[in-house]
Amino acid sequence: MSTLALLGSLMIQNPSLGGTMSECARTPVETSRCVIEAILRDLSDTYTGLDGGGIASITQDATWKYTVAIAREERLDLITYTVVLHDDGMVEITDRAKSTKSY
């Protein structure tokens, strides 16, 4: 198996990278859906907060930057994702930054 084929198979099996979704680049809405699905898979794998009210919002802050707000007791956990959409439709999460907004 070539290195490129091996890398492709690893990316397809890695849920945090979004898998292969060839329809992602057709329209802006489909692209957003694919990115949000990849983010939700990543949250399922990496977010450990157990209290609170769940996902309050997902916003697209820039073309390839999304922020997820998760309601917690007296605060919001904010997780900002930077993603790349490759030519083959592969969504790759390139950065994840966490912060908190108290209220």
N, C-alpha and C. Protein backbone atom coordinates (compact mmCIF):
# COMPACT_ATOMS: atom_id res chain seq x y z
N MET A 1 0.86 -1.18 0.00
CA MET A 1 0.00 0.00 0.00
C MET A 1 0.90 1.23 0.00
N SER A 2 0.60 2.19 -0.85
CA SER A 2 1.41 3.40 -0.92
C SER A 2 1.19 4.25 0.33
N THR A 3 2.13 5.13 0.58
CA THR A 3 2.02 6.03 1.73
C THR A 3 0.78 6.88 1.64
N LEU A 4 0.47 7.40 0.46
CA LEU A 4 -0.72 8.23 0.28
C LEU A 4 -2.00 7.43 0.53
N ALA A 5 -2.06 6.20 0.05
CA ALA A 5 -3.24 5.37 0.28
C ALA A 5 -3.38 5.04 1.76
N LEU A 6 -2.27 4.75 2.44
CA LEU A 6 -2.32 4.48 3.87
C LEU A 6 -2.80 5.70 4.64
N LEU A 7 -2.27 6.87 4.30
CA LEU A 7 -2.70 8.09 4.96
C LEU A 7 -4.19 8.32 4.73
N GLY A 8 -4.66 8.12 3.50
CA GLY A 8 -6.08 8.28 3.20
C GLY A 8 -6.94 7.34 4.01
N SER A 9 -6.51 6.09 4.15
CA SER A 9 -7.31 5.13 4.92
C SER A 9 -7.32 5.50 6.40
N LEU A 10 -6.21 6.01 6.91
CA LEU A 10 -6.18 6.44 8.30
C LEU A 10 -7.10 7.63 8.52
N MET A 11 -7.14 8.57 7.57
CA MET A 11 -8.00 9.74 7.71
C MET A 11 -9.47 9.34 7.66
N ILE A 12 -9.81 8.39 6.82
CA ILE A 12 -11.20 7.94 6.73
C ILE A 12 -11.62 7.29 8.04
N GLN A 13 -10.73 6.56 8.69
CA GLN A 13 -11.06 5.86 9.92
C GLN A 13 -10.95 6.76 11.15
N ASN A 14 -10.37 7.92 11.03
CA ASN A 14 -10.22 8.82 12.17
C ASN A 14 -11.41 9.77 12.22
N PRO A 15 -12.36 9.57 13.14
CA PRO A 15 -13.57 10.39 13.14
C PRO A 15 -13.30 11.86 13.39
N SER A 16 -12.23 12.22 14.07
CA SER A 16 -11.98 13.64 14.35
C SER A 16 -11.59 14.40 13.09
N LEU A 17 -11.22 13.70 12.02
CA LEU A 17 -10.86 14.37 10.79
C LEU A 17 -12.01 14.44 9.79
N GLY A 18 -13.13 13.86 10.11
CA GLY A 18 -14.32 14.05 9.29
C GLY A 18 -14.55 13.03 8.20
N GLY A 19 -13.61 12.15 7.92
CA GLY A 19 -13.84 11.17 6.87
C GLY A 19 -13.86 11.79 5.49
N THR A 20 -14.12 10.99 4.49
CA THR A 20 -14.18 11.47 3.12
C THR A 20 -15.63 11.80 2.77
N MET A 21 -15.87 13.03 2.38
CA MET A 21 -17.21 13.46 2.02
C MET A 21 -17.09 14.25 0.73
N SER A 22 -17.24 13.59 -0.40
CA SER A 22 -17.00 14.23 -1.69
C SER A 22 -18.00 15.33 -1.99
N GLU A 23 -19.16 15.32 -1.35
CA GLU A 23 -20.15 16.35 -1.61
C GLU A 23 -19.88 17.64 -0.85
N CYS A 24 -18.85 17.70 -0.04
CA CYS A 24 -18.62 18.86 0.82
C CYS A 24 -18.37 20.15 0.05
N ALA A 25 -17.80 20.08 -1.10
CA ALA A 25 -17.42 21.31 -1.80
C ALA A 25 -18.46 21.80 -2.79
N ARG A 26 -19.61 21.15 -2.89
CA ARG A 26 -20.58 21.54 -3.90
C ARG A 26 -21.23 22.89 -3.63
N THR A 27 -21.71 23.11 -2.41
CA THR A 27 -22.34 24.38 -2.05
C THR A 27 -21.84 24.81 -0.68
N PRO A 28 -21.98 26.10 -0.36
CA PRO A 28 -21.56 26.56 0.97
C PRO A 28 -22.31 25.85 2.11
N VAL A 29 -23.58 25.55 1.92
CA VAL A 29 -24.35 24.87 2.97
C VAL A 29 -23.83 23.45 3.17
N GLU A 30 -23.55 22.73 2.09
CA GLU A 30 -23.01 21.38 2.21
C GLU A 30 -21.62 21.40 2.85
N THR A 31 -20.82 22.40 2.51
CA THR A 31 -19.50 22.53 3.13
C THR A 31 -19.65 22.75 4.62
N SER A 32 -20.53 23.66 5.01
CA SER A 32 -20.75 23.91 6.45
C SER A 32 -21.23 22.65 7.15
N ARG A 33 -22.15 21.91 6.52
CA ARG A 33 -22.65 20.68 7.13
C ARG A 33 -21.52 19.69 7.37
N CYS A 34 -20.67 19.51 6.39
CA CYS A 34 -19.55 18.57 6.53
C CYS A 34 -18.61 19.00 7.64
N VAL A 35 -18.31 20.30 7.70
CA VAL A 35 -17.41 20.80 8.74
C VAL A 35 -18.05 20.60 10.11
N ILE A 36 -19.33 20.93 10.24
CA ILE A 36 -20.01 20.78 11.54
C ILE A 36 -20.07 19.32 11.95
N GLU A 37 -20.30 18.41 11.01
CA GLU A 37 -20.29 16.98 11.34
C GLU A 37 -18.91 16.54 11.85
N ALA A 38 -17.85 17.03 11.23
CA ALA A 38 -16.50 16.70 11.69
C ALA A 38 -16.27 17.26 13.10
N ILE A 39 -16.73 18.47 13.34
CA ILE A 39 -16.58 19.08 14.66
C ILE A 39 -17.37 18.30 15.71
N LEU A 40 -18.59 17.90 15.39
CA LEU A 40 -19.40 17.13 16.34
C LEU A 40 -18.74 15.79 16.67
N ARG A 41 -18.16 15.14 15.67
CA ARG A 41 -17.45 13.89 15.94
C ARG A 41 -16.25 14.13 16.85
N ASP A 42 -15.53 15.23 16.60
CA ASP A 42 -14.39 15.56 17.44
C ASP A 42 -14.84 15.85 18.87
N LEU A 43 -15.93 16.59 19.04
CA LEU A 43 -16.44 16.88 20.38
C LEU A 43 -16.81 15.59 21.11
N SER A 44 -17.43 14.68 20.42
CA SER A 44 -17.80 13.40 21.04
C SER A 44 -16.57 12.65 21.54
N ASP A 45 -15.47 12.78 20.81
CA ASP A 45 -14.24 12.07 21.17
C ASP A 45 -13.41 12.80 22.23
N THR A 46 -13.51 14.14 22.29
CA THR A 46 -12.54 14.89 23.10
C THR A 46 -13.14 15.70 24.24
N TYR A 47 -14.42 16.04 24.20
CA TYR A 47 -14.99 16.91 25.23
C TYR A 47 -15.43 16.08 26.43
N THR A 48 -14.98 16.46 27.61
CA THR A 48 -15.23 15.65 28.80
C THR A 48 -16.18 16.30 29.80
N GLY A 49 -16.71 17.49 29.52
CA GLY A 49 -17.62 18.15 30.46
C GLY A 49 -18.91 17.38 30.61
N LEU A 50 -19.29 17.09 31.83
CA LEU A 50 -20.48 16.27 32.07
C LEU A 50 -21.66 17.08 32.59
N ASP A 51 -21.45 18.24 33.16
CA ASP A 51 -22.55 19.03 33.69
C ASP A 51 -22.97 20.08 32.67
N GLY A 52 -24.11 20.68 32.88
CA GLY A 52 -24.55 21.76 32.01
C GLY A 52 -25.61 21.33 31.02
N GLY A 53 -25.86 22.20 30.05
CA GLY A 53 -27.00 22.03 29.17
C GLY A 53 -26.67 21.60 27.76
N GLY A 54 -25.47 21.23 27.46
CA GLY A 54 -25.14 20.77 26.11
C GLY A 54 -24.72 21.91 25.19
N ILE A 55 -24.79 21.65 23.89
CA ILE A 55 -24.34 22.63 22.89
C ILE A 55 -25.36 23.75 22.80
N ALA A 56 -24.90 24.97 23.04
CA ALA A 56 -25.77 26.14 22.97
C ALA A 56 -25.77 26.73 21.56
N SER A 57 -24.61 26.68 20.88
CA SER A 57 -24.54 27.21 19.52
C SER A 57 -23.28 26.74 18.83
N ILE A 58 -23.34 26.77 17.51
CA ILE A 58 -22.16 26.57 16.66
C ILE A 58 -22.21 27.72 15.66
N THR A 59 -21.15 28.53 15.65
CA THR A 59 -21.12 29.68 14.75
C THR A 59 -19.92 29.60 13.83
N GLN A 60 -20.11 30.09 12.62
CA GLN A 60 -19.01 30.20 11.67
C GLN A 60 -18.47 31.61 11.80
N ASP A 61 -17.26 31.76 12.36
CA ASP A 61 -16.68 33.07 12.64
C ASP A 61 -15.91 33.63 11.45
N ALA A 62 -15.39 32.76 10.63
CA ALA A 62 -14.66 33.12 9.40
C ALA A 62 -14.82 31.93 8.47
N THR A 63 -14.29 32.02 7.28
CA THR A 63 -14.50 30.95 6.30
C THR A 63 -14.16 29.58 6.85
N TRP A 64 -13.05 29.45 7.55
CA TRP A 64 -12.61 28.14 8.04
C TRP A 64 -12.44 28.12 9.55
N LYS A 65 -13.19 28.96 10.26
CA LYS A 65 -13.11 29.00 11.72
C LYS A 65 -14.53 28.95 12.29
N TYR A 66 -14.76 28.00 13.17
CA TYR A 66 -16.05 27.78 13.81
C TYR A 66 -15.88 27.77 15.32
N THR A 67 -16.88 28.27 16.05
CA THR A 67 -16.85 28.23 17.51
C THR A 67 -18.08 27.50 18.02
N VAL A 68 -17.83 26.55 18.91
CA VAL A 68 -18.89 25.81 19.58
C VAL A 68 -19.00 26.36 21.00
N ALA A 69 -20.21 26.72 21.42
CA ALA A 69 -20.47 27.15 22.79
C ALA A 69 -21.23 26.03 23.50
N ILE A 70 -20.69 25.61 24.63
CA ILE A 70 -21.32 24.55 25.42
C ILE A 70 -21.73 25.14 26.76
N ALA A 71 -23.03 25.08 27.05
CA ALA A 71 -23.56 25.66 28.29
C ALA A 71 -23.12 24.83 29.49
N ARG A 72 -22.55 25.52 30.47
CA ARG A 72 -22.14 24.89 31.73
C ARG A 72 -22.73 25.72 32.86
N GLU A 73 -22.53 25.29 34.07
CA GLU A 73 -23.02 26.04 35.22
C GLU A 73 -22.35 27.41 35.26
N GLU A 74 -23.12 28.46 35.04
CA GLU A 74 -22.69 29.86 35.12
C GLU A 74 -21.57 30.25 34.15
N ARG A 75 -21.42 29.49 33.06
CA ARG A 75 -20.40 29.83 32.07
C ARG A 75 -20.68 29.12 30.76
N LEU A 76 -19.97 29.52 29.74
CA LEU A 76 -19.96 28.82 28.45
C LEU A 76 -18.54 28.34 28.20
N ASP A 77 -18.39 27.08 27.87
CA ASP A 77 -17.11 26.59 27.35
C ASP A 77 -17.12 26.89 25.86
N LEU A 78 -16.11 27.58 25.38
CA LEU A 78 -16.00 27.92 23.96
C LEU A 78 -14.85 27.12 23.36
N ILE A 79 -15.14 26.43 22.30
CA ILE A 79 -14.11 25.66 21.60
C ILE A 79 -14.09 26.16 20.16
N THR A 80 -12.97 26.76 19.79
CA THR A 80 -12.82 27.33 18.45
C THR A 80 -12.00 26.38 17.60
N TYR A 81 -12.57 26.00 16.47
CA TYR A 81 -11.94 25.08 15.53
C TYR A 81 -11.49 25.82 14.29
N THR A 82 -10.31 25.49 13.83
CA THR A 82 -9.85 25.91 12.51
C THR A 82 -9.78 24.65 11.66
N VAL A 83 -10.37 24.71 10.48
CA VAL A 83 -10.44 23.54 9.61
C VAL A 83 -9.93 23.86 8.22
N VAL A 84 -9.64 22.81 7.48
CA VAL A 84 -9.25 22.91 6.08
C VAL A 84 -10.11 21.91 5.32
N LEU A 85 -10.60 22.33 4.16
CA LEU A 85 -11.31 21.41 3.27
C LEU A 85 -10.39 21.13 2.10
N HIS A 86 -9.94 19.90 2.00
CA HIS A 86 -9.03 19.51 0.92
C HIS A 86 -9.80 19.32 -0.39
N ASP A 87 -9.08 19.31 -1.47
CA ASP A 87 -9.69 19.19 -2.81
C ASP A 87 -10.54 17.92 -2.96
N ASP A 88 -10.18 16.86 -2.23
CA ASP A 88 -10.94 15.61 -2.34
C ASP A 88 -12.16 15.58 -1.42
N GLY A 89 -12.47 16.71 -0.75
CA GLY A 89 -13.63 16.77 0.13
C GLY A 89 -13.33 16.40 1.57
N MET A 90 -12.09 16.12 1.88
CA MET A 90 -11.70 15.72 3.23
C MET A 90 -11.67 16.95 4.14
N VAL A 91 -12.37 16.87 5.27
CA VAL A 91 -12.33 17.93 6.28
C VAL A 91 -11.25 17.58 7.27
N GLU A 92 -10.32 18.51 7.49
CA GLU A 92 -9.24 18.30 8.45
C GLU A 92 -9.31 19.39 9.51
N ILE A 93 -9.34 18.99 10.76
CA ILE A 93 -9.28 19.94 11.87
C ILE A 93 -7.81 20.23 12.11
N THR A 94 -7.41 21.50 11.92
CA THR A 94 -6.00 21.85 12.06
C THR A 94 -5.69 22.49 13.41
N ASP A 95 -6.71 23.01 14.10
CA ASP A 95 -6.48 23.62 15.40
C ASP A 95 -7.77 23.59 16.21
N ARG A 96 -7.61 23.45 17.53
CA ARG A 96 -8.73 23.48 18.46
C ARG A 96 -8.27 24.29 19.67
N ALA A 97 -8.96 25.40 19.97
CA ALA A 97 -8.59 26.24 21.11
C ALA A 97 -9.78 26.35 22.04
N LYS A 98 -9.51 26.21 23.34
CA LYS A 98 -10.58 26.25 24.34
C LYS A 98 -10.49 27.53 25.15
N SER A 99 -11.64 28.08 25.48
CA SER A 99 -11.72 29.24 26.37
C SER A 99 -13.05 29.17 27.12
N THR A 100 -13.24 30.08 28.05
CA THR A 100 -14.45 30.11 28.86
C THR A 100 -14.99 31.52 28.92
N LYS A 101 -16.31 31.65 28.85
CA LYS A 101 -16.97 32.93 29.02
C LYS A 101 -17.90 32.79 30.22
N SER A 102 -17.61 33.56 31.26
CA SER A 102 -18.44 33.54 32.47
C SER A 102 -19.56 34.56 32.35
N TYR A 103 -20.67 34.30 33.00
CA TYR A 103 -21.76 35.26 33.02
C TYR A 103 -22.49 35.19 34.34
